[in-house]
Protein backbone atom coordinates (compact mmCIF):
# COMPACT_ATOMS: atom_id res chain seq x y z
CA GLN A 1 0.00 0.00 0.00
CA VAL A 2 1.26 3.48 -0.89
CA ARG A 3 1.20 6.27 1.67
CA LEU A 4 -0.21 9.49 0.21
CA VAL A 5 0.00 12.93 1.83
CA GLU A 6 -2.03 15.91 0.63
CA SER A 7 -1.15 19.57 1.06
CA GLY A 8 -2.31 22.93 -0.21
CA GLY A 9 -5.87 23.22 1.01
CA GLY A 10 -7.03 26.43 2.68
CA SER A 11 -9.63 29.14 3.00
CA VAL A 12 -10.26 31.42 0.03
CA GLN A 13 -12.87 33.71 -1.45
CA ALA A 14 -15.17 32.75 -4.30
CA GLY A 15 -13.37 33.16 -7.59
CA ASP A 16 -9.94 32.50 -6.10
CA SER A 17 -7.59 29.66 -6.98
CA LEU A 18 -5.84 26.94 -5.02
CA ARG A 19 -3.28 24.35 -5.99
CA MET A 20 -3.18 21.14 -4.00
CA ALA A 21 -0.50 18.49 -4.06
CA CYS A 22 -0.41 14.84 -3.09
CA THR A 23 2.95 13.16 -2.61
CA ALA A 24 3.59 9.43 -2.44
CA SER A 25 5.94 8.02 0.16
CA VAL A 26 9.63 7.71 -0.60
CA GLY A 27 10.39 4.40 -2.22
CA SER A 28 7.00 4.32 -3.90
CA GLY A 29 6.33 5.63 -7.34
CA LEU A 30 2.94 7.06 -8.09
CA PRO A 31 0.39 4.31 -8.63
CA ASN A 32 -0.78 3.76 -12.21
CA SER A 33 -4.04 5.55 -11.50
CA MET A 34 -4.40 8.67 -9.37
CA ALA A 35 -7.43 10.72 -8.49
CA TRP A 36 -8.88 13.45 -6.34
CA PHE A 37 -12.06 12.92 -4.36
CA ARG A 38 -13.96 15.25 -2.08
CA LYS A 39 -16.48 15.10 0.67
CA LEU A 40 -18.53 18.23 0.37
CA ALA A 41 -19.32 20.37 3.37
CA GLY A 42 -22.90 19.95 4.53
CA GLU A 43 -23.14 16.41 3.15
CA PRO A 44 -21.84 14.32 6.08
CA GLY A 45 -23.65 11.12 5.23
CA THR A 46 -22.58 10.80 1.64
CA GLU A 47 -19.77 8.88 0.00
CA ARG A 48 -16.70 10.71 -1.22
CA GLU A 49 -17.33 12.25 -4.63
CA GLY A 50 -14.83 11.65 -7.38
CA VAL A 51 -13.50 14.91 -8.84
CA ALA A 52 -10.86 13.95 -11.38
CA LEU A 53 -8.58 11.08 -12.29
CA ILE A 54 -5.42 10.66 -14.31
CA GLU A 55 -3.88 7.41 -15.46
CA ARG A 56 -0.44 6.37 -16.59
CA ASP A 57 -1.57 6.23 -20.24
CA GLY A 58 -2.64 9.87 -20.00
CA ARG A 59 -6.36 9.34 -19.69
CA ILE A 60 -7.94 12.18 -17.72
CA LEU A 61 -11.52 12.45 -16.53
CA TYR A 62 -13.36 15.23 -14.70
CA ILE A 63 -16.82 15.43 -13.25
CA ASP A 64 -19.04 18.04 -14.90
CA PRO A 65 -19.14 20.55 -12.00
CA VAL A 66 -15.37 21.07 -12.19
CA GLU A 67 -14.77 20.66 -15.92
CA GLY A 68 -13.00 23.75 -17.21
CA ARG A 69 -12.14 25.02 -13.73
CA PHE A 70 -9.97 22.25 -12.27
CA THR A 71 -6.86 20.69 -13.79
CA ILE A 72 -5.33 17.43 -12.63
CA SER A 73 -1.68 16.72 -13.38
CA LYS A 74 1.26 14.77 -12.04
CA VAL A 75 5.02 14.73 -12.02
CA ASN A 76 6.16 11.13 -11.70
CA ALA A 77 9.76 12.09 -10.88
CA LYS A 78 8.49 14.03 -7.86
CA ARG A 79 5.99 11.31 -6.92
CA THR A 80 3.42 14.11 -6.81
CA LEU A 81 -0.13 14.58 -8.03
CA TYR A 82 -1.63 18.06 -8.35
CA LEU A 83 -5.05 19.62 -8.56
CA GLU A 84 -5.19 23.20 -9.78
CA MET A 85 -8.55 24.70 -8.85
CA ASN A 86 -9.62 27.97 -10.43
CA ASN A 87 -12.75 30.09 -10.06
CA LEU A 88 -13.60 28.33 -6.83
CA LYS A 89 -17.19 28.37 -5.63
CA PRO A 90 -18.65 27.97 -2.15
CA SER A 91 -20.11 24.67 -3.38
CA ASP A 92 -16.54 23.38 -3.78
CA SER A 93 -15.98 23.56 -0.01
CA GLY A 94 -15.14 20.29 1.71
CA MET A 95 -12.40 17.78 2.44
CA TYR A 96 -10.30 16.79 -0.54
CA TYR A 97 -8.56 13.44 -0.70
CA CYS A 98 -6.12 11.99 -3.15
CA ALA A 99 -6.38 8.35 -4.07
CA GLY A 100 -4.21 5.90 -5.91
CA ASP A 101 -4.44 2.41 -7.29
CA ARG A 102 -1.86 0.21 -8.99
CA ARG A 103 -4.52 -0.97 -11.45
CA SER A 104 -5.55 0.94 -14.55
CA SER A 105 -8.94 1.80 -16.00
CA ARG A 106 -10.32 3.07 -12.73
CA ILE A 107 -13.58 4.96 -12.37
CA LEU A 108 -14.48 7.84 -10.08
CA ARG A 109 -16.08 5.71 -7.40
CA ALA A 110 -14.42 5.64 -3.99
CA SER A 111 -14.72 1.88 -3.58
CA ASP A 112 -12.63 1.43 -6.74
CA TRP A 113 -9.48 2.88 -5.12
CA GLN A 114 -6.96 1.25 -2.83
CA ASP A 115 -4.69 3.97 -1.42
CA TRP A 116 -5.89 7.16 0.28
CA GLY A 117 -4.45 10.29 1.79
CA GLN A 118 -5.69 11.82 5.03
CA GLY A 119 -7.41 14.74 3.32
CA THR A 120 -6.99 18.49 3.20
CA ARG A 121 -9.76 21.02 3.78
CA VAL A 122 -10.91 23.60 1.27
CA THR A 123 -13.23 26.38 2.38
CA VAL A 124 -14.60 28.86 -0.15
CA SER A 125 -16.44 31.89 1.16
CA SER A 126 -18.87 33.98 -0.85
């Protein structure tokens, strides 16, 4: 299992940008598939929502609410996954988690992912 550590969350105003990072433990390369999930504020009983994924073959997928505003990327040599979030909205507020899986062809469903970070909080004020 790969240890993943997120950083870069914070409190911002609507319309601002944030860049989050997720770094895999030393000695571990990034898993073949990487993704960002979130648990939205005010929705405590729901499953983590998939936000974006990126796979080793370059396949990238976003959910509709973030398409055009968020960009997922990775630098394998740094063992780091990124999520650039622009034009943030209050509805983007919540805990953001990175996830990884050694398998390919993953989908944005939490149960499909093996490795998880501890999460980083994003708060967007109007």
